Structure formats: C-alpha cells, structure tokens
C-alpha cells in the first residue's frame, strides 16, 4: 500500500507545537493586562497548553471580548476587572482566584503603561502614572500573591515583562525605562528572597511585537516603524507567540531550575540598536 501524499493538517499556532499539549495542565495562571496584545497572546498560549486562565484589565468591555476569544480553547477561565495600581483590588483578585480555583501557580505581570515624551516635558502625573502601573502594580500583585505562590504544588512562578532598555536607557521614555529597571531589580531580589519557598522569578524582555498597541503608539503613529525595523537583527518584528512561548517555558517544568534571569526575546534588537 502506497504512503499517503496528503499533507498533514496545518497547526493554527505552529510555535506551540514544540510543547506537549498538557505542558501546563493543572496550573492556574494569572496574567495582568491580559485583555489585549502580549497579555492576551500569553493567555491564549497558556490555555492551549492546558492551564486555567485568569486575566485582568481595567476595561470591562475589552475583558469581555478577550474572555469570549479565550473561551474557544475550552480552558477554565476567569476575567476580572481590576486596576493594578490599587493594592486592595489586587488583593481581592488573588483571593477570588484562590477561592474559585483553589490555587495560584503562575503570575505574569504584563500590565504596563507608556507614551513617548521628552523628559524635560514630562509632567509629575505622567511620570507617576507609568511608575504606578509598571513598578507599583508589579509590587501589588507579587506582594498579594506570595502565600498562594508559596503553596503551589508545582513551585510558584512569577514572570515579569520588562525591557531591554533598562540597560541602554530609552530617550523619550525615561519613565518606562526607569519603572522597568525597578521591576528588574525586584525580580532579582525576589528570586533570592523567595527561592527558598520554591518560587521562581524571572524577566521576559520583548522587542517590538506586531499587532500590539505598543508598536502602534510608540513607532507606527510616530512614523518610526521603518527605522525601528532597521534595528532588528533578524529583519522583522515579533509575534505575541514569541513572548508567550518564552513565558510557557518559564512556567513549565522546563523552567524548574531557572530563576532571576532576563530572557531577551527581541530578535537581536538590543544588540543591533547600538550599531544602527
């Protein structure tokens, strides 16, 4: 009998095929800023790999749209409107997750704010808004999630979405670079301080990602997209799945011995940028 020449079915998300479809089964994962962009991409990938998904965001309408999109995965799912800047609200989110699902195993601090502004034109409110979201929001969720992550039967995981520009600086976005530098220092500190509790804490540093608000607002709307593309060592922008796969690795058993690290997922942008 001759072998079939029919092509195998095309995977909807071929990058996810490198993981076992049950790589995250049993894990409860909370993604802040999960209603769009990178956060939603992480939630979709985690759902496909078997995790229970919790997403937060400030806009109920966007959360509802994201929840509807994620429902197709069949994953257990919860969407909660909350502002990461509000300590009491973040505590309430953690309490609800543990009450509803009995655990919290993975926390992805993805919520972020940013806008382009020369530092001399920065207002105190503009500075404070970004620091409150990026740095204080990360503190709020990490602090409130400690007991749940400590109790995780898998070993708790915190994945902070940071920036390569914490090392190079970011002219026009000093507020975001400074806030994320604080997040990076927090990651290193907690990796050591909470390692004895079985909690791994790591950073993922994305480059420009297609289809996200960050790419549109910071580069495309300012006519800087082609210039930024020229800074990409591999010649193209990333996909949300590129970031999601890095997070999946860190959240899975493959990441058991990884803590306190920076996983740069930027297509070589940080290296080439200084030469372009």
Protein backbone atom coordinates (compact mmCIF):
# COMPACT_ATOMS: atom_id res chain seq x y z
CA UNK A 1 0.00 0.00 0.00
CA UNK A 2 1.49 3.32 -1.03
CA UNK A 3 2.03 6.06 1.51
CA UNK A 4 -0.47 8.90 1.52
CA UNK A 5 0.72 12.08 -0.15
CA UNK A 6 -1.86 14.18 1.67
CA UNK A 7 -0.22 16.97 3.69
CA UNK A 8 -0.73 16.88 7.45
CA UNK A 9 -3.18 19.43 8.84
CA UNK A 10 -1.69 22.86 9.40
CA UNK A 11 -1.42 23.86 13.03
CA UNK A 12 -3.18 27.08 13.96
CA UNK A 13 -0.24 28.06 16.17
CA UNK A 14 2.78 26.08 14.96
CA UNK A 15 5.20 27.55 17.53
CA UNK A 16 3.15 25.99 20.31
CA UNK A 17 3.74 22.53 18.87
CA UNK A 18 7.19 22.42 20.49
CA UNK A 19 5.39 21.93 23.83
CA UNK A 20 3.37 18.96 24.95
CA UNK A 21 -0.33 19.95 24.84
CA UNK A 22 -0.50 19.19 28.57
CA UNK A 23 2.64 21.17 29.48
CA UNK A 24 0.70 23.47 31.80
CA UNK A 25 -2.17 21.20 32.82
CA UNK A 26 -3.20 21.70 36.44
CA UNK A 27 -1.59 25.15 36.70
CA UNK A 28 -3.61 28.26 37.45
CA UNK A 29 -2.08 31.27 35.67
CA UNK A 30 -2.95 34.93 36.26
CA UNK A 31 -1.97 37.39 33.51
CA UNK A 32 -2.31 41.11 34.21
CA UNK A 33 -3.10 43.31 31.22
CA UNK A 34 -4.49 40.13 29.68
CA UNK A 35 -7.27 41.64 27.59
CA UNK A 36 -5.14 42.54 24.56
CA UNK A 37 -1.72 42.46 22.94
CA UNK A 38 1.07 40.45 24.55
CA UNK A 39 -1.02 39.63 27.62
CA UNK A 40 -3.83 38.12 25.57
CA UNK A 41 -1.30 36.23 23.46
CA UNK A 42 0.21 34.71 26.62
CA UNK A 43 -3.26 33.79 27.89
CA UNK A 44 -4.15 32.10 24.59
CA UNK A 45 -0.95 30.05 24.54
CA UNK A 46 -1.27 29.04 28.19
CA UNK A 47 -4.88 27.99 27.61
CA UNK A 48 -3.89 25.83 24.65
CA UNK A 49 -1.22 24.19 26.81
CA UNK A 50 -3.77 23.24 29.45
CA UNK A 51 -3.61 25.98 32.09
CA UNK A 52 -6.53 27.52 33.91
CA UNK A 53 -6.52 31.18 32.88
CA UNK A 54 -7.25 34.35 34.84
CA UNK A 55 -6.92 37.69 33.06
CA UNK A 56 -7.21 41.17 34.49
CA UNK A 57 -7.58 44.57 32.90
CA UNK A 58 -9.16 47.94 33.59
CA UNK A 59 -11.76 47.97 30.80
CA UNK A 60 -14.68 45.54 31.26
CA UNK A 61 -15.59 45.71 27.56
CA UNK A 62 -12.13 44.65 26.40
CA UNK A 63 -12.06 41.94 29.07
CA UNK A 64 -15.37 40.58 27.82
CA UNK A 65 -14.05 40.43 24.26
CA UNK A 66 -10.89 38.66 25.41
CA UNK A 67 -12.91 36.22 27.52
CA UNK A 68 -15.07 35.35 24.51
CA UNK A 69 -11.96 34.78 22.39
CA UNK A 70 -10.33 32.60 25.04
CA UNK A 71 -13.49 30.57 25.62
CA UNK A 72 -12.89 28.75 22.32
CA UNK A 73 -9.93 26.97 23.94
CA UNK A 74 -12.18 25.19 26.39
CA UNK A 75 -9.91 26.21 29.27
CA UNK A 76 -11.25 27.08 32.69
CA UNK A 77 -11.37 30.83 32.60
CA UNK A 78 -11.93 33.89 34.77
CA UNK A 79 -11.79 37.55 33.72
CA UNK A 80 -11.66 40.18 36.47
CA UNK A 81 -11.72 43.94 36.01
CA UNK A 82 -9.08 45.46 38.29
CA UNK A 83 -6.53 48.26 38.35
CA UNK A 84 -3.02 47.03 39.15
CA UNK A 85 -2.33 50.36 40.91
CA UNK A 86 -4.94 49.57 43.58
CA UNK A 87 -3.40 47.36 46.29
CA UNK A 88 -6.75 46.35 47.78
CA UNK A 89 -8.13 45.49 44.35
CA UNK A 90 -5.14 43.27 43.55
CA UNK A 91 -5.56 41.50 46.89
CA UNK A 92 -9.23 40.89 46.05
CA UNK A 93 -8.24 39.38 42.69
CA UNK A 94 -5.83 36.93 44.32
CA UNK A 95 -8.40 35.97 46.95
CA UNK A 96 -11.02 35.34 44.28
CA UNK A 97 -8.65 33.21 42.21
CA UNK A 98 -7.73 31.02 45.18
CA UNK A 99 -11.38 30.78 46.27
CA UNK A 100 -12.56 29.80 42.78
CA UNK A 101 -9.73 27.53 41.64
CA UNK A 102 -8.03 26.52 44.87
CA UNK A 103 -4.57 27.71 43.86
CA UNK A 104 -2.39 30.21 42.04
CA UNK A 105 0.70 28.78 40.37
CA UNK A 106 1.84 31.35 37.79
CA UNK A 107 1.71 35.16 37.94
CA UNK A 108 2.57 37.09 34.78
CA UNK A 109 2.98 40.81 35.47
CA UNK A 110 2.34 42.15 31.99
CA UNK A 111 0.24 45.29 32.58
CA UNK A 112 2.18 48.37 31.54
CA UNK A 113 1.80 51.99 30.58
CA UNK A 114 3.97 54.06 28.27
CA UNK A 115 3.96 57.07 25.96
CA UNK A 116 6.64 58.99 24.14
CA UNK A 117 7.66 62.24 25.82
CA UNK A 118 10.95 64.16 26.13
CA UNK A 119 11.97 64.16 29.76
CA UNK A 120 12.00 67.95 30.00
CA UNK A 121 8.31 67.95 29.02
CA UNK A 122 7.34 65.14 31.40
CA UNK A 123 4.73 66.08 33.99
CA UNK A 124 4.80 64.66 37.51
CA UNK A 125 1.45 63.00 36.79
CA UNK A 126 2.76 61.40 33.60
CA UNK A 127 5.82 60.07 35.41
CA UNK A 128 3.74 58.83 38.33
CA UNK A 129 1.15 57.12 36.13
CA UNK A 130 3.71 54.90 34.39
CA UNK A 131 5.66 54.12 37.57
CA UNK A 132 2.40 53.27 39.35
CA UNK A 133 1.35 50.81 36.66
CA UNK A 134 4.69 49.24 35.77
CA UNK A 135 6.52 49.12 39.11
CA UNK A 136 3.94 49.58 41.84
CA UNK A 137 1.45 47.36 40.04
CA UNK A 138 4.06 44.61 39.93
CA UNK A 139 4.72 45.09 43.65
CA UNK A 140 1.00 44.91 44.41
CA UNK A 141 0.44 41.61 42.65
CA UNK A 142 3.69 39.98 43.80
CA UNK A 143 3.09 41.01 47.41
CA UNK A 144 -0.50 39.80 47.47
CA UNK A 145 0.28 36.57 45.60
CA UNK A 146 3.09 35.40 47.92
CA UNK A 147 1.14 32.98 50.10
CA UNK A 148 -0.67 31.40 47.14
CA UNK A 149 2.53 31.02 45.11
CA UNK A 150 4.35 29.60 48.14
CA UNK A 151 1.63 26.94 48.41
CA UNK A 152 1.77 25.96 44.72
CA UNK A 153 2.31 22.23 44.30
CA UNK A 154 4.32 22.96 41.15
CA UNK A 155 6.53 25.64 42.68
CA UNK A 156 5.23 29.16 42.18
CA UNK A 157 6.33 31.17 39.14
CA UNK A 158 6.45 34.92 38.65
CA UNK A 159 7.18 36.18 35.14
CA UNK A 160 7.69 39.94 34.84
CA UNK A 161 7.50 41.54 31.40
CA UNK A 162 10.35 44.06 31.40
CA UNK A 163 12.51 45.95 28.88
CA UNK A 164 15.97 45.64 27.38
CA UNK A 165 16.10 49.44 27.62
CA UNK A 166 16.60 49.23 31.38
CA UNK A 167 20.28 48.77 30.49
CA UNK A 168 20.61 51.07 27.49
CA UNK A 169 18.22 53.80 28.63
CA UNK A 170 15.29 54.92 26.48
CA UNK A 171 15.32 58.54 25.33
CA UNK A 172 11.71 59.69 25.07
CA UNK A 173 10.51 57.04 27.50
CA UNK A 174 12.66 57.58 30.59
CA UNK A 175 9.63 56.96 32.79
CA UNK A 176 9.05 53.47 31.39
CA UNK A 177 12.74 52.55 31.37
CA UNK A 178 13.10 53.69 34.98
CA UNK A 179 9.98 51.84 36.14
CA UNK A 180 11.03 48.64 34.39
CA UNK A 181 14.53 48.97 35.86
CA UNK A 182 12.79 48.83 39.22
CA UNK A 183 10.89 45.72 38.10
CA UNK A 184 14.15 44.10 37.01
CA UNK A 185 15.75 44.82 40.40
CA UNK A 186 12.64 43.47 42.13
CA UNK A 187 12.87 40.30 40.06
CA UNK A 188 16.45 39.69 41.12
CA UNK A 189 15.67 40.42 44.76
CA UNK A 190 12.65 38.12 44.93
CA UNK A 191 14.45 35.34 43.06
CA UNK A 192 16.86 35.16 46.01
CA UNK A 193 14.46 36.06 48.81
CA UNK A 194 11.67 33.70 47.71
CA UNK A 195 13.76 30.94 46.18
CA UNK A 196 13.67 29.06 49.47
CA UNK A 197 9.88 28.97 49.16
CA UNK A 198 10.12 27.29 45.76
CA UNK A 199 9.10 30.44 43.88
CA UNK A 200 10.99 31.16 40.64
CA UNK A 201 11.03 34.79 39.50
CA UNK A 202 12.20 35.79 36.01
CA UNK A 203 12.01 38.61 33.48
CA UNK A 204 10.99 38.33 29.83
CA UNK A 205 12.19 41.26 27.71
CA UNK A 206 10.20 41.66 24.47
CA UNK A 207 11.18 43.56 21.37
CA UNK A 208 8.57 45.28 19.16
CA UNK A 209 5.62 42.94 18.59
CA UNK A 210 3.29 43.10 15.59
CA UNK A 211 -0.33 44.00 16.22
CA UNK A 212 0.20 45.48 19.67
CA UNK A 213 -0.71 48.90 20.99
CA UNK A 214 2.92 49.47 21.94
CA UNK A 215 4.14 49.08 18.36
CA UNK A 216 1.33 51.22 17.01
CA UNK A 217 1.66 54.05 19.55
CA UNK A 218 5.42 54.20 20.05
CA UNK A 219 6.58 53.57 16.48
CA UNK A 220 3.90 53.43 13.77
CA UNK A 221 1.93 56.51 14.88
CA UNK A 222 5.18 58.49 15.08
CA UNK A 223 6.44 57.38 11.66
CA UNK A 224 9.29 55.44 13.30
CA UNK A 225 8.30 51.89 12.31
CA UNK A 226 10.72 51.55 9.36
CA UNK A 227 13.57 52.99 11.39
CA UNK A 228 12.85 50.55 14.22
CA UNK A 229 12.59 47.68 11.75
CA UNK A 230 16.10 48.52 10.58
CA UNK A 231 17.29 47.94 14.14
CA UNK A 232 16.04 44.33 14.13
CA UNK A 233 18.95 41.92 13.65
CA UNK A 234 16.66 39.29 12.13
CA UNK A 235 14.82 41.82 9.98
CA UNK A 236 11.25 41.63 11.25
CA UNK A 237 9.10 42.38 14.28
CA UNK A 238 7.99 39.63 16.62
CA UNK A 239 4.66 37.92 17.23
CA UNK A 240 2.80 37.62 20.51
CA UNK A 241 3.53 33.89 20.41
CA UNK A 242 7.26 34.63 20.57
CA UNK A 243 6.76 36.15 24.00
CA UNK A 244 4.14 33.59 25.01
CA UNK A 245 6.49 30.69 24.26
CA UNK A 246 9.21 32.19 26.44
CA UNK A 247 6.68 32.55 29.25
CA UNK A 248 5.42 29.00 28.70
CA UNK A 249 8.96 27.66 29.04
CA UNK A 250 9.45 29.50 32.34
CA UNK A 251 6.03 28.41 33.63
CA UNK A 252 6.52 24.75 32.68
CA UNK A 253 8.69 22.04 34.27
CA UNK A 254 11.40 23.05 31.77
CA UNK A 255 11.86 26.22 33.84
CA UNK A 256 12.31 24.47 37.19
CA UNK A 257 15.99 25.45 37.52
CA UNK A 258 15.70 28.97 36.11
CA UNK A 259 15.30 31.98 38.37
CA UNK A 260 16.49 35.58 38.47
CA UNK A 261 17.20 35.64 34.74
CA UNK A 262 16.46 38.01 31.85
CA UNK A 263 15.08 36.15 28.85
CA UNK A 264 15.53 38.58 25.94
CA UNK A 265 13.07 37.89 23.11
CA UNK A 266 13.68 40.79 20.76
CA UNK A 267 15.11 39.43 17.50
CA UNK A 268 18.55 40.84 18.34
CA UNK A 269 17.26 44.41 18.54
CA UNK A 270 19.09 45.31 21.74
CA UNK A 271 22.41 44.25 20.21
CA UNK A 272 21.95 45.83 16.80
CA UNK A 273 20.40 49.06 18.10
CA UNK A 274 23.75 50.44 19.27
CA UNK A 275 25.20 49.89 15.79
CA UNK A 276 22.35 51.47 13.81
